[in-house]
Amino acid sequence: MRTLFLLSIGLLTCLALSAQQDAMFTRYMFNSMYLFNNPAYSGSHGYWTTNALYRTQWVRFDGAPQTIYLGAEGTIAGDRAGLGFSLFHDRIGLDRISDFSANYAYHIPTGDDGTFSIGIKAGAFFYRSLLSQAVVWDPLDPVYAGGDQKGIVPRAGLGFYYYTPDFFAGISAPTLVAIDKRSDFNLNLDRSGILRRHYYLYSGYVFRLDNGIDLKPSVLLKYQPQAPLQADLNMNIWFKDLFSCGFSYRTNDAVSVMVEIPLGKKLSVGYAFDNTISNLQQVSAGTHEIMLGYNFTDEVQWKDPRRF
């Protein structure tokens, strides 16, 4: 089964790489946060779960990104098939970006206490650039003279995911194909357009210690051809199913701390703070994320032994 997973990695690696910079999350491992990057995650818990997130990045920096995310995933037709839905809206300077996607995943038991899943993602990318509000030196500059740019672009992606009770690994490309027929919207997956392909590779393992303490180190690699390779190195710690805390390092960008607390049997809330270590640290007061999760199951979320 691991050979099949490695072949899947090879398939995605051989495909051409691309999207306007995908939304960034510090708590990407927070249940359906995975959905945005990997459709194969859909249905992996065996029950329906939903999450909401608000992220305000680089506080005090004018025009800095602000992101709202909603996601849900669960199983259909038994435990073999999963569905997922994700919606996010980004505000970055003069740009307004929204994305709605639906995912389908098929889960294949491997016989070694693991499961391999293949997922596809289809949706639409909504983009608007408010160039009419830009303050420019030359109002006749042809870049701005045409007014606002906007477009709706259907797109599709692909992902693979392998998991056991203690281990997980996935690889995905949320935007492999995008179709645009509007002449006023610059789509170029390979070079200078609004959408560019991104690849994500991630993995992690849960170490179960004495006294009900679990450690989960994980790593996320993000590759986009026009940008340096970026890695997120993470460590999360669970304390007797009461709460979790953790820290993360994102190369050339930020160090982060995070916490998650259950509120009853089905509800949980989380918070993350990024301290910027790039050149933006002189004008930024950091980044805040607030997350809310709800599980549609009678089981307590924190009793889920997988921790992911």
C-alpha atoms as a PDB file:
ATOM      1  CA  MET A   1       0.000   0.000   0.000  1.00  0.00           C
ATOM      2  CA  ARG A   2       2.869   2.368   0.757  1.00  0.00           C
ATOM      3  CA  THR A   3       4.133   1.640  -2.767  1.00  0.00           C
ATOM      4  CA  LEU A   4       0.783   2.819  -4.136  1.00  0.00           C
ATOM      5  CA  PHE A   5       1.081   6.010  -2.112  1.00  0.00           C
ATOM      6  CA  LEU A   6       4.603   6.646  -3.416  1.00  0.00           C
ATOM      7  CA  LEU A   7       3.372   6.122  -6.982  1.00  0.00           C
ATOM      8  CA  SER A   8       0.666   8.701  -6.323  1.00  0.00           C
ATOM      9  CA  ILE A   9       3.306  11.175  -5.136  1.00  0.00           C
ATOM     10  CA  GLY A  10       5.229  10.525  -8.324  1.00  0.00           C
ATOM     11  CA  LEU A  11       2.145  11.191 -10.440  1.00  0.00           C
ATOM     12  CA  LEU A  12       1.500  14.563  -8.854  1.00  0.00           C
ATOM     13  CA  THR A  13       5.154  15.524  -8.943  1.00  0.00           C
ATOM     14  CA  CYS A  14       5.287  14.920 -12.690  1.00  0.00           C
ATOM     15  CA  LEU A  15       2.297  17.147 -13.377  1.00  0.00           C
ATOM     16  CA  ALA A  16       2.940  20.774 -14.244  1.00  0.00           C
ATOM     17  CA  LEU A  17       2.880  22.974 -11.203  1.00  0.00           C
ATOM     18  CA  SER A  18       0.176  26.668  -9.932  1.00  0.00           C
ATOM     19  CA  ALA A  19      -2.934  29.981  -8.087  1.00  0.00           C
ATOM     20  CA  GLN A  20      -2.958  33.360  -6.898  1.00  0.00           C
ATOM     21  CA  GLN A  21      -1.293  32.599  -3.618  1.00  0.00           C
ATOM     22  CA  ASP A  22      -3.511  30.083  -1.813  1.00  0.00           C
ATOM     23  CA  ALA A  23      -4.932  31.108   1.550  1.00  0.00           C
ATOM     24  CA  MET A  24      -2.529  30.415   4.442  1.00  0.00           C
ATOM     25  CA  PHE A  25      -3.539  28.818   7.743  1.00  0.00           C
ATOM     26  CA  THR A  26      -1.398  28.260  10.824  1.00  0.00           C
ATOM     27  CA  ARG A  27      -3.751  25.612  12.219  1.00  0.00           C
ATOM     28  CA  TYR A  28      -3.988  23.763   8.899  1.00  0.00           C
ATOM     29  CA  MET A  29      -4.214  20.474  10.870  1.00  0.00           C
ATOM     30  CA  PHE A  30      -7.429  21.643  12.576  1.00  0.00           C
ATOM     31  CA  ASN A  31      -9.873  19.058  11.153  1.00  0.00           C
ATOM     32  CA  SER A  32     -11.425  20.331   7.917  1.00  0.00           C
ATOM     33  CA  MET A  33      -8.677  22.910   7.412  1.00  0.00           C
ATOM     34  CA  TYR A  34      -7.099  20.062   5.435  1.00  0.00           C
ATOM     35  CA  LEU A  35     -10.047  20.191   3.035  1.00  0.00           C
ATOM     36  CA  PHE A  36      -8.887  23.379   1.390  1.00  0.00           C
ATOM     37  CA  ASN A  37      -5.618  21.772   0.288  1.00  0.00           C
ATOM     38  CA  ASN A  38      -6.431  18.057  -0.019  1.00  0.00           C
ATOM     39  CA  PRO A  39      -9.826  16.710  -1.136  1.00  0.00           C
ATOM     40  CA  ALA A  40      -8.764  13.146  -0.201  1.00  0.00           C
ATOM     41  CA  TYR A  41      -9.160  14.119   3.481  1.00  0.00           C
ATOM     42  CA  SER A  42     -12.952  14.245   3.062  1.00  0.00           C
ATOM     43  CA  GLY A  43     -14.705  11.565   5.120  1.00  0.00           C
ATOM     44  CA  SER A  44     -11.556  10.334   6.865  1.00  0.00           C
ATOM     45  CA  HIS A  45     -13.060  10.718  10.360  1.00  0.00           C
ATOM     46  CA  GLY A  46     -16.097   8.559   9.694  1.00  0.00           C
ATOM     47  CA  TYR A  47     -18.512  11.258  10.872  1.00  0.00           C
ATOM     48  CA  TRP A  48     -19.509  14.788   9.839  1.00  0.00           C
ATOM     49  CA  THR A  49     -17.540  17.702  11.208  1.00  0.00           C
ATOM     50  CA  THR A  50     -17.458  21.415  10.409  1.00  0.00           C
ATOM     51  CA  ASN A  51     -15.065  24.279  11.143  1.00  0.00           C
ATOM     52  CA  ALA A  52     -15.001  28.050  10.854  1.00  0.00           C
ATOM     53  CA  LEU A  53     -11.925  30.271  10.960  1.00  0.00           C
ATOM     54  CA  TYR A  54     -11.105  33.956  10.933  1.00  0.00           C
ATOM     55  CA  ARG A  55      -7.520  35.059  10.290  1.00  0.00           C
ATOM     56  CA  THR A  56      -6.180  38.590  10.336  1.00  0.00           C
ATOM     57  CA  GLN A  57      -2.600  38.740   9.141  1.00  0.00           C
ATOM     58  CA  TRP A  58       0.143  41.297   9.803  1.00  0.00           C
ATOM     59  CA  VAL A  59      -1.864  43.462  12.218  1.00  0.00           C
ATOM     60  CA  ARG A  60      -1.229  47.218  11.751  1.00  0.00           C
ATOM     61  CA  PHE A  61      -0.077  46.648   8.152  1.00  0.00           C
ATOM     62  CA  ASP A  62      -2.341  48.573   5.758  1.00  0.00           C
ATOM     63  CA  GLY A  63      -4.052  46.275   3.259  1.00  0.00           C
ATOM     64  CA  ALA A  64      -2.848  43.088   4.969  1.00  0.00           C
ATOM     65  CA  PRO A  65      -4.670  39.804   4.263  1.00  0.00           C
ATOM     66  CA  GLN A  66      -7.872  38.942   6.111  1.00  0.00           C
ATOM     67  CA  THR A  67      -9.392  35.495   5.622  1.00  0.00           C
ATOM     68  CA  ILE A  68     -12.718  33.869   6.491  1.00  0.00           C
ATOM     69  CA  TYR A  69     -13.011  30.100   6.044  1.00  0.00           C
ATOM     70  CA  LEU A  70     -15.870  27.585   6.400  1.00  0.00           C
ATOM     71  CA  GLY A  71     -15.427  23.860   5.859  1.00  0.00           C
ATOM     72  CA  ALA A  72     -17.368  20.619   6.396  1.00  0.00           C
ATOM     73  CA  GLU A  73     -16.635  16.981   5.656  1.00  0.00           C
ATOM     74  CA  GLY A  74     -18.153  13.578   6.352  1.00  0.00           C
ATOM     75  CA  THR A  75     -18.976  10.147   4.998  1.00  0.00           C
ATOM     76  CA  ILE A  76     -21.671   8.887   2.630  1.00  0.00           C
ATOM     77  CA  ALA A  77     -22.521   5.358   1.446  1.00  0.00           C
ATOM     78  CA  GLY A  78     -20.891   3.776   4.488  1.00  0.00           C
ATOM     79  CA  ASP A  79     -17.268   4.517   5.261  1.00  0.00           C
ATOM     80  CA  ARG A  80     -15.824   4.186   1.747  1.00  0.00           C
ATOM     81  CA  ALA A  81     -16.933   7.530   0.279  1.00  0.00           C
ATOM     82  CA  GLY A  82     -16.520  11.021   1.661  1.00  0.00           C
ATOM     83  CA  LEU A  83     -17.805  14.470   0.778  1.00  0.00           C
ATOM     84  CA  GLY A  84     -16.340  17.804   1.678  1.00  0.00           C
ATOM     85  CA  PHE A  85     -17.169  21.467   1.133  1.00  0.00           C
ATOM     86  CA  SER A  86     -15.000  24.521   1.650  1.00  0.00           C
ATOM     87  CA  LEU A  87     -15.618  28.236   1.273  1.00  0.00           C
ATOM     88  CA  PHE A  88     -13.168  31.036   1.887  1.00  0.00           C
ATOM     89  CA  HIS A  89     -12.988  34.751   1.286  1.00  0.00           C
ATOM     90  CA  ASP A  90      -9.731  36.715   1.220  1.00  0.00           C
ATOM     91  CA  ARG A  91      -9.146  40.477   1.299  1.00  0.00           C
ATOM     92  CA  ILE A  92      -5.605  41.452   0.269  1.00  0.00           C
ATOM     93  CA  GLY A  93      -5.058  45.123  -0.472  1.00  0.00           C
ATOM     94  CA  LEU A  94      -7.309  45.969  -3.424  1.00  0.00           C
ATOM     95  CA  ASP A  95      -8.006  42.304  -4.194  1.00  0.00           C
ATOM     96  CA  ARG A  96     -11.148  40.413  -3.186  1.00  0.00           C
ATOM     97  CA  ILE A  97     -10.866  36.648  -3.612  1.00  0.00           C
ATOM     98  CA  SER A  98     -13.465  33.981  -2.911  1.00  0.00           C
ATOM     99  CA  ASP A  99     -13.408  30.250  -3.548  1.00  0.00           C
ATOM    100  CA  PHE A 100     -16.086  27.584  -3.218  1.00  0.00           C
ATOM    101  CA  SER A 101     -15.180  23.935  -3.704  1.00  0.00           C
ATOM    102  CA  ALA A 102     -16.819  20.529  -3.349  1.00  0.00           C
ATOM    103  CA  ASN A 103     -14.722  17.419  -2.741  1.00  0.00           C
ATOM    104  CA  TYR A 104     -15.264  13.716  -3.261  1.00  0.00           C
ATOM    105  CA  ALA A 105     -12.971  11.056  -1.808  1.00  0.00           C
ATOM    106  CA  TYR A 106     -12.890   7.276  -1.976  1.00  0.00           C
ATOM    107  CA  HIS A 107     -11.266   5.402   0.935  1.00  0.00           C
ATOM    108  CA  ILE A 108      -9.578   2.034   0.457  1.00  0.00           C
ATOM    109  CA  PRO A 109      -8.650  -0.072   3.532  1.00  0.00           C
ATOM    110  CA  THR A 110      -5.109  -1.402   3.130  1.00  0.00           C
ATOM    111  CA  GLY A 111      -5.191  -4.349   5.499  1.00  0.00           C
ATOM    112  CA  ASP A 112      -2.357  -2.944   7.620  1.00  0.00           C
ATOM    113  CA  ASP A 113      -4.641  -0.895   9.883  1.00  0.00           C
ATOM    114  CA  GLY A 114      -4.351   1.905   7.349  1.00  0.00           C
ATOM    115  CA  THR A 115      -6.509   3.566   4.717  1.00  0.00           C
ATOM    116  CA  PHE A 116      -5.556   5.080   1.382  1.00  0.00           C
ATOM    117  CA  SER A 117      -7.862   7.678  -0.176  1.00  0.00           C
ATOM    118  CA  ILE A 118      -8.052   9.441  -3.513  1.00  0.00           C
ATOM    119  CA  GLY A 119      -9.880  12.756  -3.756  1.00  0.00           C
ATOM    120  CA  ILE A 120     -10.987  15.162  -6.448  1.00  0.00           C
ATOM    121  CA  LYS A 121     -11.915  18.796  -5.994  1.00  0.00           C
ATOM    122  CA  ALA A 122     -14.093  21.001  -8.201  1.00  0.00           C
ATOM    123  CA  GLY A 123     -15.221  24.539  -7.661  1.00  0.00           C
ATOM    124  CA  ALA A 124     -14.992  28.153  -8.744  1.00  0.00           C
ATOM    125  CA  PHE A 125     -12.552  30.955  -8.039  1.00  0.00           C
ATOM    126  CA  PHE A 126     -14.071  34.459  -7.828  1.00  0.00           C
ATOM    127  CA  TYR A 127     -11.650  37.335  -8.237  1.00  0.00           C
ATOM    128  CA  ARG A 128     -12.043  41.115  -8.200  1.00  0.00           C
ATOM    129  CA  SER A 129      -9.266  43.705  -8.206  1.00  0.00           C
ATOM    130  CA  LEU A 130     -10.469  47.193  -7.249  1.00  0.00           C
ATOM    131  CA  LEU A 131      -7.999  49.083  -9.431  1.00  0.00           C
ATOM    132  CA  SER A 132     -10.325  52.099  -9.539  1.00  0.00           C
ATOM    133  CA  GLN A 133      -9.497  52.678  -5.856  1.00  0.00           C
ATOM    134  CA  ALA A 134      -5.732  52.598  -6.362  1.00  0.00           C
ATOM    135  CA  VAL A 135      -3.719  55.736  -5.647  1.00  0.00           C
ATOM    136  CA  VAL A 136      -1.377  56.044  -8.653  1.00  0.00           C
ATOM    137  CA  TRP A 137       1.132  58.569  -9.996  1.00  0.00           C
ATOM    138  CA  ASP A 138      -0.291  58.452 -13.499  1.00  0.00           C
ATOM    139  CA  PRO A 139      -4.079  57.949 -13.759  1.00  0.00           C
ATOM    140  CA  LEU A 140      -3.640  57.322 -17.509  1.00  0.00           C
ATOM    141  CA  ASP A 141      -1.382  54.336 -16.891  1.00  0.00           C
ATOM    142  CA  PRO A 142      -2.960  51.548 -19.012  1.00  0.00           C
ATOM    143  CA  VAL A 143      -2.643  49.110 -16.112  1.00  0.00           C
ATOM    144  CA  TYR A 144      -5.213  51.148 -14.162  1.00  0.00           C
ATOM    145  CA  ALA A 145      -7.096  52.989 -16.888  1.00  0.00           C
ATOM    146  CA  GLY A 146      -9.207  49.912 -17.640  1.00  0.00           C
ATOM    147  CA  GLY A 147     -10.835  50.043 -14.207  1.00  0.00           C
ATOM    148  CA  ASP A 148     -11.595  47.079 -11.984  1.00  0.00           C
ATOM    149  CA  GLN A 149     -10.737  43.548 -13.071  1.00  0.00           C
ATOM    150  CA  LYS A 150     -12.979  40.644 -12.178  1.00  0.00           C
ATOM    151  CA  GLY A 151     -13.571  37.070 -13.176  1.00  0.00           C
ATOM    152  CA  ILE A 152     -15.094  33.710 -12.293  1.00  0.00           C
ATOM    153  CA  VAL A 153     -12.868  30.731 -13.015  1.00  0.00           C
ATOM    154  CA  PRO A 154     -13.965  27.065 -12.702  1.00  0.00           C
ATOM    155  CA  ARG A 155     -11.106  24.912 -11.472  1.00  0.00           C
ATOM    156  CA  ALA A 156     -10.346  21.363 -10.341  1.00  0.00           C
ATOM    157  CA  GLY A 157      -7.732  19.658  -8.173  1.00  0.00           C
ATOM    158  CA  LEU A 158      -6.519  16.271  -7.001  1.00  0.00           C
ATOM    159  CA  GLY A 159      -5.175  14.762  -3.797  1.00  0.00           C
ATOM    160  CA  PHE A 160      -3.992  11.545  -2.137  1.00  0.00           C
ATOM    161  CA  TYR A 161      -4.057  10.697   1.565  1.00  0.00           C
ATOM    162  CA  TYR A 162      -2.837   7.741   3.644  1.00  0.00           C
ATOM    163  CA  TYR A 163      -3.592   7.348   7.342  1.00  0.00           C
ATOM    164  CA  THR A 164      -3.482   4.913  10.255  1.00  0.00           C
ATOM    165  CA  PRO A 165      -4.439   5.531  13.906  1.00  0.00           C
ATOM    166  CA  ASP A 166      -0.984   7.070  14.486  1.00  0.00           C
ATOM    167  CA  PHE A 167       0.391   8.173  11.098  1.00  0.00           C
ATOM    168  CA  PHE A 168      -0.778  10.319   8.208  1.00  0.00           C
ATOM    169  CA  ALA A 169       0.646  11.618   4.942  1.00  0.00           C
ATOM    170  CA  GLY A 170      -0.853  13.438   2.000  1.00  0.00           C
ATOM    171  CA  ILE A 171       0.004  15.165  -1.245  1.00  0.00           C
ATOM    172  CA  SER A 172      -2.241  17.411  -3.292  1.00  0.00           C
ATOM    173  CA  ALA A 173      -2.576  20.071  -5.952  1.00  0.00           C
ATOM    174  CA  PRO A 174      -5.759  22.089  -5.286  1.00  0.00           C
ATOM    175  CA  THR A 175      -5.603  23.727  -8.734  1.00  0.00           C
ATOM    176  CA  LEU A 176      -4.513  21.449 -11.562  1.00  0.00           C
ATOM    177  CA  VAL A 177      -6.998  22.715 -14.157  1.00  0.00           C
ATOM    178  CA  ALA A 178      -8.640  26.142 -14.500  1.00  0.00           C
ATOM    179  CA  ILE A 179     -10.830  27.414 -17.330  1.00  0.00           C
ATOM    180  CA  ASP A 180     -11.274  31.089 -18.143  1.00  0.00           C
ATOM    181  CA  LYS A 181     -12.988  32.545 -21.216  1.00  0.00           C
ATOM    182  CA  ARG A 182     -13.142  36.181 -20.134  1.00  0.00           C
ATOM    183  CA  SER A 183     -10.850  38.470 -22.092  1.00  0.00           C
ATOM    184  CA  ASP A 184     -10.474  40.937 -19.190  1.00  0.00           C
ATOM    185  CA  PHE A 185      -9.199  38.327 -16.714  1.00  0.00           C
ATOM    186  CA  ASN A 186      -5.563  37.298 -16.912  1.00  0.00           C
ATOM    187  CA  LEU A 187      -5.310  33.559 -16.274  1.00  0.00           C
ATOM    188  CA  ASN A 188      -1.918  31.952 -16.736  1.00  0.00           C
ATOM    189  CA  LEU A 189      -1.232  28.882 -14.636  1.00  0.00           C
ATOM    190  CA  ASP A 190       2.421  28.660 -15.587  1.00  0.00           C
ATOM    191  CA  ARG A 191       3.782  32.206 -15.403  1.00  0.00           C
ATOM    192  CA  SER A 192       2.256  35.603 -14.684  1.00  0.00           C
ATOM    193  CA  GLY A 193      -1.469  35.090 -14.256  1.00  0.00           C
ATOM    194  CA  ILE A 194      -3.796  35.368 -11.287  1.00  0.00           C
ATOM    195  CA  LEU A 195      -3.913  31.605 -10.698  1.00  0.00           C
ATOM    196  CA  ARG A 196      -0.762  29.588 -10.136  1.00  0.00           C
ATOM    197  CA  ARG A 197      -0.394  25.947  -9.201  1.00  0.00           C
ATOM    198  CA  HIS A 198       0.657  25.026  -5.684  1.00  0.00           C
ATOM    199  CA  TYR A 199       1.704  21.605  -4.412  1.00  0.00           C
ATOM    200  CA  TYR A 200       1.344  20.462  -0.803  1.00  0.00           C
ATOM    201  CA  LEU A 201       3.088  17.523   0.855  1.00  0.00           C
ATOM    202  CA  TYR A 202       2.546  16.845   4.545  1.00  0.00           C
ATOM    203  CA  SER A 203       2.982  14.110   7.122  1.00  0.00           C
ATOM    204  CA  GLY A 204       2.836  13.543  10.857  1.00  0.00           C
ATOM    205  CA  TYR A 205       2.889  10.944  13.617  1.00  0.00           C
ATOM    206  CA  VAL A 206       1.240  10.650  17.052  1.00  0.00           C
ATOM    207  CA  PHE A 207       3.480   9.450  19.899  1.00  0.00           C
ATOM    208  CA  ARG A 208       1.391   8.191  22.829  1.00  0.00           C
ATOM    209  CA  LEU A 209       3.183   8.734  26.121  1.00  0.00           C
ATOM    210  CA  ASP A 210       2.264   7.820  29.676  1.00  0.00           C
ATOM    211  CA  ASN A 211      -0.198   9.828  31.779  1.00  0.00           C
ATOM    212  CA  GLY A 212      -2.491  10.512  28.817  1.00  0.00           C
ATOM    213  CA  ILE A 213      -0.077  12.821  26.993  1.00  0.00           C
ATOM    214  CA  ASP A 214       0.169  12.594  23.218  1.00  0.00           C
ATOM    215  CA  LEU A 215       2.761  14.314  20.998  1.00  0.00           C
ATOM    216  CA  LYS A 216       2.106  14.995  17.323  1.00  0.00           C
ATOM    217  CA  PRO A 217       5.024  16.343  15.278  1.00  0.00           C
ATOM    218  CA  SER A 218       4.113  17.169  11.676  1.00  0.00           C
ATOM    219  CA  VAL A 219       5.543  18.912   8.642  1.00  0.00           C
ATOM    220  CA  LEU A 220       3.930  20.681   5.697  1.00  0.00           C
ATOM    221  CA  LEU A 221       5.865  21.507   2.516  1.00  0.00           C
ATOM    222  CA  LYS A 222       4.440  24.072   0.087  1.00  0.00           C
ATOM    223  CA  TYR A 223       5.825  24.486  -3.395  1.00  0.00           C
ATOM    224  CA  GLN A 224       4.968  27.092  -6.004  1.00  0.00           C
ATOM    225  CA  PRO A 225       7.335  27.542  -8.968  1.00  0.00           C
ATOM    226  CA  GLN A 226       7.535  31.343  -8.695  1.00  0.00           C
ATOM    227  CA  ALA A 227       8.303  31.289  -4.948  1.00  0.00           C
ATOM    228  CA  PRO A 228      10.830  29.639  -2.610  1.00  0.00           C
ATOM    229  CA  LEU A 229       9.938  26.261  -1.111  1.00  0.00           C
ATOM    230  CA  GLN A 230       8.258  26.833   2.254  1.00  0.00           C
ATOM    231  CA  ALA A 231       8.027  24.436   5.196  1.00  0.00           C
ATOM    232  CA  ASP A 232       5.854  24.440   8.319  1.00  0.00           C
ATOM    233  CA  LEU A 233       7.376  22.460  11.216  1.00  0.00           C
ATOM    234  CA  ASN A 234       4.813  21.784  13.938  1.00  0.00           C
ATOM    235  CA  MET A 235       4.514  20.142  17.347  1.00  0.00           C
ATOM    236  CA  ASN A 236       1.192  19.655  19.125  1.00  0.00           C
ATOM    237  CA  ILE A 237       0.724  18.243  22.619  1.00  0.00           C
ATOM    238  CA  TRP A 238      -2.496  16.807  24.096  1.00  0.00           C
ATOM    239  CA  PHE A 239      -2.959  16.703  27.873  1.00  0.00           C
ATOM    240  CA  LYS A 240      -5.375  13.980  29.053  1.00  0.00           C
ATOM    241  CA  ASP A 241      -8.047  14.995  26.522  1.00  0.00           C
ATOM    242  CA  LEU A 242      -8.427  18.312  28.376  1.00  0.00           C
ATOM    243  CA  PHE A 243      -6.723  20.651  25.910  1.00  0.00           C
ATOM    244  CA  SER A 244      -3.923  20.826  23.383  1.00  0.00           C
ATOM    245  CA  CYS A 245      -1.205  23.373  22.762  1.00  0.00           C
ATOM    246  CA  GLY A 246       1.591  23.602  20.261  1.00  0.00           C
ATOM    247  CA  PHE A 247       4.103  25.649  18.370  1.00  0.00           C
ATOM    248  CA  SER A 248       5.118  25.988  14.747  1.00  0.00           C
ATOM    249  CA  TYR A 249       7.926  27.432  12.640  1.00  0.00           C
ATOM    250  CA  ARG A 250       7.271  28.599   9.071  1.00  0.00           C
ATOM    251  CA  THR A 251      10.514  29.094   7.169  1.00  0.00           C
ATOM    252  CA  ASN A 252      11.433  32.718   6.496  1.00  0.00           C
ATOM    253  CA  ASP A 253       8.042  33.889   7.755  1.00  0.00           C
ATOM    254  CA  ALA A 254       6.857  33.279  11.321  1.00  0.00           C
ATOM    255  CA  VAL A 255       6.963  31.366  14.580  1.00  0.00           C
ATOM    256  CA  SER A 256       3.592  30.469  16.068  1.00  0.00           C
ATOM    257  CA  VAL A 257       1.880  29.271  19.232  1.00  0.00           C
ATOM    258  CA  MET A 258      -1.561  27.652  19.324  1.00  0.00           C
ATOM    259  CA  VAL A 259      -4.120  26.176  21.682  1.00  0.00           C
ATOM    260  CA  GLU A 260      -7.359  24.184  21.346  1.00  0.00           C
ATOM    261  CA  ILE A 261      -9.964  23.617  24.076  1.00  0.00           C
ATOM    262  CA  PRO A 262     -13.151  21.497  24.011  1.00  0.00           C
ATOM    263  CA  LEU A 263     -16.403  23.166  25.042  1.00  0.00           C
ATOM    264  CA  GLY A 264     -18.640  20.229  25.836  1.00  0.00           C
ATOM    265  CA  LYS A 265     -18.811  16.990  23.870  1.00  0.00           C
ATOM    266  CA  LYS A 266     -19.101  18.328  20.334  1.00  0.00           C
ATOM    267  CA  LEU A 267     -17.778  21.877  20.278  1.00  0.00           C
ATOM    268  CA  SER A 268     -14.168  23.074  20.350  1.00  0.00           C
ATOM    269  CA  VAL A 269     -12.433  26.418  20.002  1.00  0.00           C
ATOM    270  CA  GLY A 270      -8.864  27.213  19.008  1.00  0.00           C
ATOM    271  CA  TYR A 271      -6.518  30.166  18.753  1.00  0.00           C
ATOM    272  CA  ALA A 272      -3.153  30.716  17.065  1.00  0.00           C
ATOM    273  CA  PHE A 273      -0.734  33.619  17.043  1.00  0.00           C
ATOM    274  CA  ASP A 274       2.016  34.134  14.454  1.00  0.00           C
ATOM    275  CA  ASN A 275       4.991  36.296  15.338  1.00  0.00           C
ATOM    276  CA  THR A 276       6.441  37.591  12.071  1.00  0.00           C
ATOM    277  CA  ILE A 277      10.199  37.053  11.649  1.00  0.00           C
ATOM    278  CA  SER A 278      10.494  38.396   8.099  1.00  0.00           C
ATOM    279  CA  ASN A 279      11.231  42.039   7.223  1.00  0.00           C
ATOM    280  CA  LEU A 280       7.553  42.766   7.886  1.00  0.00           C
ATOM    281  CA  GLN A 281       8.112  42.442  11.636  1.00  0.00           C
ATOM    282  CA  GLN A 282       8.978  46.147  11.831  1.00  0.00           C
ATOM    283  CA  VAL A 283       5.501  47.157  10.626  1.00  0.00           C
ATOM    284  CA  SER A 284       3.408  44.178  11.768  1.00  0.00           C
ATOM    285  CA  ALA A 285       2.032  43.297  15.197  1.00  0.00           C
ATOM    286  CA  GLY A 286       1.645  39.629  14.269  1.00  0.00           C
ATOM    287  CA  THR A 287      -1.177  37.470  12.966  1.00  0.00           C
ATOM    288  CA  HIS A 288      -4.222  36.110  14.816  1.00  0.00           C
ATOM    289  CA  GLU A 289      -6.381  33.073  14.015  1.00  0.00           C
ATOM    290  CA  ILE A 290      -9.613  32.123  15.770  1.00  0.00           C
ATOM    291  CA  MET A 291     -11.203  28.744  15.040  1.00  0.00           C
ATOM    292  CA  LEU A 292     -14.474  27.061  15.971  1.00  0.00           C
ATOM    293  CA  GLY A 293     -15.259  23.380  15.356  1.00  0.00           C
ATOM    294  CA  TYR A 294     -18.400  21.261  15.719  1.00  0.00           C
ATOM    295  CA  ASN A 295     -18.798  17.491  15.330  1.00  0.00           C
ATOM    296  CA  PHE A 296     -22.079  15.848  14.359  1.00  0.00           C
ATOM    297  CA  THR A 297     -21.451  12.706  16.392  1.00  0.00           C
ATOM    298  CA  ASP A 298     -22.265  11.393  19.843  1.00  0.00           C
ATOM    299  CA  GLU A 299     -18.588  10.665  20.453  1.00  0.00           C
ATOM    300  CA  VAL A 300     -16.413  13.223  22.175  1.00  0.00           C
ATOM    301  CA  GLN A 301     -14.074  14.809  19.632  1.00  0.00           C
ATOM    302  CA  TRP A 302     -11.105  14.550  21.959  1.00  0.00           C
ATOM    303  CA  LYS A 303     -11.612  10.790  22.326  1.00  0.00           C
ATOM    304  CA  ASP A 304     -10.777  10.413  18.641  1.00  0.00           C
ATOM    305  CA  PRO A 305      -7.472   8.520  18.983  1.00  0.00           C
ATOM    306  CA  ARG A 306      -6.139   9.771  15.642  1.00  0.00           C
ATOM    307  CA  ARG A 307      -5.586  13.375  16.735  1.00  0.00           C
ATOM    308  CA  PHE A 308      -5.850  14.536  13.098  1.00  0.00           C
END
